[in-house]
Every structure is written in structure tokens, then in C-alpha cells.
Amino acid sequence: MTSLPFRTNRGFRMGALCLWLMAGQSLLAVDWPAVQRTAGEATVVNMKAEPLVEGGYWSKVPKKFLELKAQIFSDEHGKKTNGVADLTVTKEGWIFVACDYGYEGNQQGGWMDERWEEKDFKKRGWSVLGKAEGALVDKGNREWVVFAKHLKAGETLRLRANKYNAPHVILVTGEYSPFSPKP
């Protein structure tokens, strides 16, 4: 398991476990240059990459995502995801996933059997982006939980966190895709 690179104001690198043990201290932060150097790339079925910016669907975006010109995969017009993000990693590296766990209706349809709760992400080696990094909030004022993991090229994942809202994959390659609309 590769943990999200962190650093203190003294330059010491620590793994995600240290972040959880020292939560609440302002000395720790994600080592964003290291994440960007080893950023992964992916495709998501029935979703398209677009710039992750404030305005439109997102009312608040973590500052580093804005600085690094992060891209977020959103539902492609006219195509349905049925609450699922089918992800294929095309380049090894750090991939972020944002999940909404707000109430979206009853348990009908079997969706609860395949959903990934926060504990499931953690069990599978994902790190949670801390509050110090900023919140990802949608226009309905729902705060999304952001997870990160170093994935290998060729890995495929079927992710579900809720009944209707599919998880959103976020890439931090430092440049917008030539295929995504400019902000």
C-alpha cells in the first residue's frame, strides 16, 4: 500500500497513518508537488473530464485543485451512470475520487450492497483528504468526501457511494485536457 505523501513545515515526509494520528494539527499537509509529479490518468464510462472550478455545479473547490487545474469527471450529456463510476486507470499514479453520502432515497434496487462507504475506501488503502486541504461543496451545499490512492495502469474499479450520485474521479495533472472545455 502506498500512502499519500505528506510533509510538515520542517520538511519531514510522513504517510497517511501519521496524518490520521496527528489530525487537527496545522503542521501537516499533502505534499502536492509530489502528488502532481506522480499524478495518474484515467477514463470513466459515460463521464467526461472537465475543469474543476467554482461556479456551475461546484460552489467550493479546494485551493490546490484550482491551482493544479484539476479535472473532474462528470456525467456526459445524454448518458447515464446509474450512480456508478466505472474507472480504468490509463497511467499509474495518484487518483482522487469525490463521494456524496447524503440521503438519496430508499434501499430499493440493491444499490446499498455495492456502495463503498468511507470505511470501505480506507480498508482498500485509500486516504481521505483532510479538512485542512479544503472542502469540495456542490451547489446544493453538500460537502463531498475526497479520497486519494496511488493506482496502477490497467486497474479497473466500479465505484458507488450513493443511489443516484455517482462518485466523481478527479485528476491533478496540472493541465486541462485538450478534450475538455476550458473554464
C-alpha atoms as a PDB file:
ATOM      1  CA  MET A   1       0.000   0.000   0.000  1.00  0.00           C
ATOM      2  CA  THR A   2       1.340   3.426  -0.946  1.00  0.00           C
ATOM      3  CA  SER A   3       0.200   6.209   1.350  1.00  0.00           C
ATOM      4  CA  LEU A   4      -0.493   9.761   0.272  1.00  0.00           C
ATOM      5  CA  PRO A   5       2.702  11.817   0.618  1.00  0.00           C
ATOM      6  CA  PHE A   6       2.549  14.397   3.381  1.00  0.00           C
ATOM      7  CA  ARG A   7       5.043  16.861   4.760  1.00  0.00           C
ATOM      8  CA  THR A   8       5.428  19.068   7.792  1.00  0.00           C
ATOM      9  CA  ASN A   9       6.700  22.618   7.890  1.00  0.00           C
ATOM     10  CA  ARG A  10      10.122  21.095   8.674  1.00  0.00           C
ATOM     11  CA  GLY A  11      10.136  19.016   5.502  1.00  0.00           C
ATOM     12  CA  PHE A  12       9.702  15.601   7.114  1.00  0.00           C
ATOM     13  CA  ARG A  13       7.655  13.227   5.000  1.00  0.00           C
ATOM     14  CA  MET A  14       5.005  11.140   6.673  1.00  0.00           C
ATOM     15  CA  GLY A  15       2.489   8.579   5.496  1.00  0.00           C
ATOM     16  CA  ALA A  16      -1.263   8.798   5.747  1.00  0.00           C
ATOM     17  CA  LEU A  17      -1.271   6.913   9.058  1.00  0.00           C
ATOM     18  CA  CYS A  18       0.698   9.738  10.675  1.00  0.00           C
ATOM     19  CA  LEU A  19      -1.828  12.232   9.355  1.00  0.00           C
ATOM     20  CA  TRP A  20      -4.671  10.322  10.985  1.00  0.00           C
ATOM     21  CA  LEU A  21      -2.775  10.091  14.276  1.00  0.00           C
ATOM     22  CA  MET A  22      -1.969  13.810  14.305  1.00  0.00           C
ATOM     23  CA  ALA A  23      -5.266  15.041  12.830  1.00  0.00           C
ATOM     24  CA  GLY A  24      -6.110  18.601  13.678  1.00  0.00           C
ATOM     25  CA  GLN A  25      -2.532  19.869  13.736  1.00  0.00           C
ATOM     26  CA  SER A  26      -1.922  22.560  11.148  1.00  0.00           C
ATOM     27  CA  LEU A  27       1.648  21.401  10.540  1.00  0.00           C
ATOM     28  CA  LEU A  28       0.642  18.602   8.187  1.00  0.00           C
ATOM     29  CA  ALA A  29      -0.440  18.981   4.588  1.00  0.00           C
ATOM     30  CA  VAL A  30      -0.473  16.910   1.420  1.00  0.00           C
ATOM     31  CA  ASP A  31       2.803  17.152  -0.478  1.00  0.00           C
ATOM     32  CA  TRP A  32       1.083  18.452  -3.619  1.00  0.00           C
ATOM     33  CA  PRO A  33       4.241  18.725  -5.780  1.00  0.00           C
ATOM     34  CA  ALA A  34       4.889  15.011  -5.142  1.00  0.00           C
ATOM     35  CA  VAL A  35       1.274  14.156  -5.945  1.00  0.00           C
ATOM     36  CA  GLN A  36       1.421  16.186  -9.169  1.00  0.00           C
ATOM     37  CA  ARG A  37       4.724  14.573 -10.238  1.00  0.00           C
ATOM     38  CA  THR A  38       3.123  11.155  -9.847  1.00  0.00           C
ATOM     39  CA  ALA A  39      -0.420  12.034 -10.973  1.00  0.00           C
ATOM     40  CA  GLY A  40      -2.403   9.268 -12.577  1.00  0.00           C
ATOM     41  CA  GLU A  41      -4.751   9.408 -15.518  1.00  0.00           C
ATOM     42  CA  ALA A  42      -7.993   7.534 -16.077  1.00  0.00           C
ATOM     43  CA  THR A  43     -11.135   7.158 -18.118  1.00  0.00           C
ATOM     44  CA  VAL A  44     -14.644   6.790 -16.687  1.00  0.00           C
ATOM     45  CA  VAL A  45     -17.526   5.179 -18.592  1.00  0.00           C
ATOM     46  CA  ASN A  46     -20.281   7.640 -19.583  1.00  0.00           C
ATOM     47  CA  MET A  47     -18.441  10.556 -17.973  1.00  0.00           C
ATOM     48  CA  LYS A  48     -16.303  13.310 -19.430  1.00  0.00           C
ATOM     49  CA  ALA A  49     -13.422  15.255 -17.923  1.00  0.00           C
ATOM     50  CA  GLU A  50     -13.967  18.957 -17.384  1.00  0.00           C
ATOM     51  CA  PRO A  51     -12.126  21.620 -15.398  1.00  0.00           C
ATOM     52  CA  LEU A  52     -12.884  21.515 -11.669  1.00  0.00           C
ATOM     53  CA  VAL A  53     -13.736  25.150 -10.971  1.00  0.00           C
ATOM     54  CA  GLU A  54     -16.016  27.097  -8.669  1.00  0.00           C
ATOM     55  CA  GLY A  55     -19.311  28.128 -10.225  1.00  0.00           C
ATOM     56  CA  GLY A  56     -21.765  25.940 -12.038  1.00  0.00           C
ATOM     57  CA  TYR A  57     -22.083  22.649 -10.169  1.00  0.00           C
ATOM     58  CA  TRP A  58     -19.331  23.271  -7.584  1.00  0.00           C
ATOM     59  CA  SER A  59     -19.706  26.178  -5.154  1.00  0.00           C
ATOM     60  CA  LYS A  60     -16.436  25.486  -3.299  1.00  0.00           C
ATOM     61  CA  VAL A  61     -13.293  23.696  -4.535  1.00  0.00           C
ATOM     62  CA  PRO A  62     -10.098  23.008  -2.546  1.00  0.00           C
ATOM     63  CA  LYS A  63      -7.480  25.638  -3.419  1.00  0.00           C
ATOM     64  CA  LYS A  64      -4.866  23.119  -4.591  1.00  0.00           C
ATOM     65  CA  PHE A  65      -7.297  21.549  -7.036  1.00  0.00           C
ATOM     66  CA  LEU A  66      -7.818  25.002  -8.535  1.00  0.00           C
ATOM     67  CA  GLU A  67      -4.069  25.765  -8.653  1.00  0.00           C
ATOM     68  CA  LEU A  68      -3.273  22.420 -10.271  1.00  0.00           C
ATOM     69  CA  LYS A  69      -6.035  22.799 -12.865  1.00  0.00           C
ATOM     70  CA  ALA A  70      -7.701  19.609 -11.666  1.00  0.00           C
ATOM     71  CA  GLN A  71     -10.182  17.892 -13.923  1.00  0.00           C
ATOM     72  CA  ILE A  72     -13.297  16.163 -12.665  1.00  0.00           C
ATOM     73  CA  PHE A  73     -15.285  13.505 -14.465  1.00  0.00           C
ATOM     74  CA  SER A  74     -18.973  14.408 -14.656  1.00  0.00           C
ATOM     75  CA  ASP A  75     -21.963  12.735 -16.296  1.00  0.00           C
ATOM     76  CA  GLU A  76     -21.735  13.001 -20.057  1.00  0.00           C
ATOM     77  CA  HIS A  77     -24.806  14.675 -21.558  1.00  0.00           C
ATOM     78  CA  GLY A  78     -27.403  12.123 -22.547  1.00  0.00           C
ATOM     79  CA  LYS A  79     -25.608   9.169 -20.963  1.00  0.00           C
ATOM     80  CA  LYS A  80     -26.495   7.513 -17.679  1.00  0.00           C
ATOM     81  CA  THR A  81     -24.134   6.342 -14.978  1.00  0.00           C
ATOM     82  CA  ASN A  82     -26.850   4.833 -12.750  1.00  0.00           C
ATOM     83  CA  GLY A  83     -24.918   6.067  -9.709  1.00  0.00           C
ATOM     84  CA  VAL A  84     -21.754   4.170 -10.665  1.00  0.00           C
ATOM     85  CA  ALA A  85     -18.294   5.298 -11.758  1.00  0.00           C
ATOM     86  CA  ASP A  86     -16.593   2.608 -13.866  1.00  0.00           C
ATOM     87  CA  LEU A  87     -12.964   3.711 -13.752  1.00  0.00           C
ATOM     88  CA  THR A  88      -9.987   2.458 -15.779  1.00  0.00           C
ATOM     89  CA  VAL A  89      -6.524   3.758 -14.907  1.00  0.00           C
ATOM     90  CA  THR A  90      -4.595   4.639 -18.073  1.00  0.00           C
ATOM     91  CA  LYS A  91      -1.455   5.999 -16.378  1.00  0.00           C
ATOM     92  CA  GLU A  92      -0.144   4.887 -12.992  1.00  0.00           C
ATOM     93  CA  GLY A  93      -0.303   7.479 -10.251  1.00  0.00           C
ATOM     94  CA  TRP A  94      -2.482   9.356  -7.782  1.00  0.00           C
ATOM     95  CA  ILE A  95      -6.208   9.365  -8.485  1.00  0.00           C
ATOM     96  CA  PHE A  96      -8.766  11.252  -6.397  1.00  0.00           C
ATOM     97  CA  VAL A  97     -12.425  10.275  -6.011  1.00  0.00           C
ATOM     98  CA  ALA A  98     -15.153  12.522  -4.560  1.00  0.00           C
ATOM     99  CA  CYS A  99     -18.210  10.873  -2.990  1.00  0.00           C
ATOM    100  CA  ASP A 100     -21.528  12.216  -1.758  1.00  0.00           C
ATOM    101  CA  TYR A 101     -23.061  10.294   1.148  1.00  0.00           C
ATOM    102  CA  GLY A 102     -26.191  12.433   1.567  1.00  0.00           C
ATOM    103  CA  TYR A 103     -29.607  10.786   1.675  1.00  0.00           C
ATOM    104  CA  GLU A 104     -30.904   9.844  -1.785  1.00  0.00           C
ATOM    105  CA  GLY A 105     -33.907   7.677  -1.070  1.00  0.00           C
ATOM    106  CA  ASN A 106     -34.805   4.169  -0.072  1.00  0.00           C
ATOM    107  CA  GLN A 107     -32.777   0.981  -0.367  1.00  0.00           C
ATOM    108  CA  GLN A 108     -34.647  -0.409  -3.378  1.00  0.00           C
ATOM    109  CA  GLY A 109     -32.604  -1.537  -6.341  1.00  0.00           C
ATOM    110  CA  GLY A 110     -29.808  -3.289  -4.455  1.00  0.00           C
ATOM    111  CA  TRP A 111     -27.506  -0.256  -4.624  1.00  0.00           C
ATOM    112  CA  MET A 112     -26.575  -0.484  -0.935  1.00  0.00           C
ATOM    113  CA  ASP A 113     -24.946  -3.872  -1.490  1.00  0.00           C
ATOM    114  CA  GLU A 114     -22.420  -2.400  -3.913  1.00  0.00           C
ATOM    115  CA  ARG A 115     -21.774   1.011  -2.335  1.00  0.00           C
ATOM    116  CA  TRP A 116     -18.401   1.938  -0.894  1.00  0.00           C
ATOM    117  CA  GLU A 117     -18.677   3.694   2.450  1.00  0.00           C
ATOM    118  CA  GLU A 118     -15.741   5.665   3.855  1.00  0.00           C
ATOM    119  CA  LYS A 119     -14.643   2.624   5.879  1.00  0.00           C
ATOM    120  CA  ASP A 120     -14.593   0.529   2.674  1.00  0.00           C
ATOM    121  CA  PHE A 121     -12.328   3.018   0.904  1.00  0.00           C
ATOM    122  CA  LYS A 122      -9.977   3.036   3.910  1.00  0.00           C
ATOM    123  CA  LYS A 123      -9.963  -0.789   4.072  1.00  0.00           C
ATOM    124  CA  ARG A 124      -8.871  -0.815   0.424  1.00  0.00           C
ATOM    125  CA  GLY A 125      -5.951   1.563   1.051  1.00  0.00           C
ATOM    126  CA  TRP A 126      -7.500   4.922   0.135  1.00  0.00           C
ATOM    127  CA  SER A 127      -6.639   8.058   2.134  1.00  0.00           C
ATOM    128  CA  VAL A 128      -9.182  10.756   2.976  1.00  0.00           C
ATOM    129  CA  LEU A 129      -8.300  14.327   2.048  1.00  0.00           C
ATOM    130  CA  GLY A 130      -8.274  16.257   5.328  1.00  0.00           C
ATOM    131  CA  LYS A 131     -10.284  19.344   6.216  1.00  0.00           C
ATOM    132  CA  ALA A 132      -7.061  21.389   6.161  1.00  0.00           C
ATOM    133  CA  GLU A 133      -6.904  20.873   2.381  1.00  0.00           C
ATOM    134  CA  GLY A 134     -10.311  22.485   1.897  1.00  0.00           C
ATOM    135  CA  ALA A 135     -13.787  21.235   1.131  1.00  0.00           C
ATOM    136  CA  LEU A 136     -15.428  20.209  -2.118  1.00  0.00           C
ATOM    137  CA  VAL A 137     -19.005  21.523  -1.936  1.00  0.00           C
ATOM    138  CA  ASP A 138     -21.683  21.318  -4.626  1.00  0.00           C
ATOM    139  CA  LYS A 139     -24.332  23.909  -5.489  1.00  0.00           C
ATOM    140  CA  GLY A 140     -26.794  22.130  -3.153  1.00  0.00           C
ATOM    141  CA  ASN A 141     -24.359  22.847  -0.284  1.00  0.00           C
ATOM    142  CA  ARG A 142     -23.447  19.163   0.093  1.00  0.00           C
ATOM    143  CA  GLU A 143     -19.850  18.510   1.119  1.00  0.00           C
ATOM    144  CA  TRP A 144     -18.275  15.631  -0.780  1.00  0.00           C
ATOM    145  CA  VAL A 145     -15.683  13.328   0.820  1.00  0.00           C
ATOM    146  CA  VAL A 146     -12.483  13.196  -1.269  1.00  0.00           C
ATOM    147  CA  PHE A 147     -10.331  10.064  -1.297  1.00  0.00           C
ATOM    148  CA  ALA A 148      -6.889   9.519  -2.862  1.00  0.00           C
ATOM    149  CA  LYS A 149      -4.910   6.440  -3.834  1.00  0.00           C
ATOM    150  CA  HIS A 150      -1.911   5.585  -5.983  1.00  0.00           C
ATOM    151  CA  LEU A 151      -3.255   3.193  -8.629  1.00  0.00           C
ATOM    152  CA  LYS A 152      -1.514   1.133 -11.292  1.00  0.00           C
ATOM    153  CA  ALA A 153      -2.204   1.428 -15.023  1.00  0.00           C
ATOM    154  CA  GLY A 154      -4.782  -1.105 -16.128  1.00  0.00           C
ATOM    155  CA  GLU A 155      -6.600  -1.234 -12.787  1.00  0.00           C
ATOM    156  CA  THR A 156     -10.370  -1.080 -13.089  1.00  0.00           C
ATOM    157  CA  LEU A 157     -12.800  -0.141 -10.346  1.00  0.00           C
ATOM    158  CA  ARG A 158     -16.561   0.004 -10.119  1.00  0.00           C
ATOM    159  CA  LEU A 159     -17.351   2.648  -7.511  1.00  0.00           C
ATOM    160  CA  ARG A 160     -20.686   3.552  -5.979  1.00  0.00           C
ATOM    161  CA  ALA A 161     -21.271   5.695  -2.910  1.00  0.00           C
ATOM    162  CA  ASN A 162     -24.941   6.570  -3.230  1.00  0.00           C
ATOM    163  CA  LYS A 163     -28.163   5.688  -5.060  1.00  0.00           C
ATOM    164  CA  TYR A 164     -28.092   8.342  -7.798  1.00  0.00           C
ATOM    165  CA  ASN A 165     -24.944  10.495  -7.469  1.00  0.00           C
ATOM    166  CA  ALA A 166     -22.002   8.614  -8.928  1.00  0.00           C
ATOM    167  CA  PRO A 167     -18.560   9.228  -7.439  1.00  0.00           C
ATOM    168  CA  HIS A 168     -16.529  11.807  -9.375  1.00  0.00           C
ATOM    169  CA  VAL A 169     -12.965  10.926 -10.387  1.00  0.00           C
ATOM    170  CA  ILE A 170     -10.528  13.861 -10.087  1.00  0.00           C
ATOM    171  CA  LEU A 171      -7.165  14.112 -11.886  1.00  0.00           C
ATOM    172  CA  VAL A 172      -4.392  16.584 -10.949  1.00  0.00           C
ATOM    173  CA  THR A 173      -2.134  16.520 -13.994  1.00  0.00           C
ATOM    174  CA  GLY A 174      -1.533  20.299 -13.832  1.00  0.00           C
ATOM    175  CA  GLU A 175      -3.096  20.982 -17.206  1.00  0.00           C
ATOM    176  CA  TYR A 176      -6.546  20.763 -18.676  1.00  0.00           C
ATOM    177  CA  SER A 177      -7.140  18.006 -21.167  1.00  0.00           C
ATOM    178  CA  PRO A 178      -7.233  19.199 -24.783  1.00  0.00           C
ATOM    179  CA  PHE A 179     -10.577  17.378 -24.952  1.00  0.00           C
ATOM    180  CA  SER A 180     -12.218  19.173 -22.019  1.00  0.00           C
ATOM    181  CA  PRO A 181     -13.883  22.575 -22.246  1.00  0.00           C
ATOM    182  CA  LYS A 182     -11.860  25.464 -20.840  1.00  0.00           C
ATOM    183  CA  PRO A 183     -13.225  27.154 -17.703  1.00  0.00           C
END
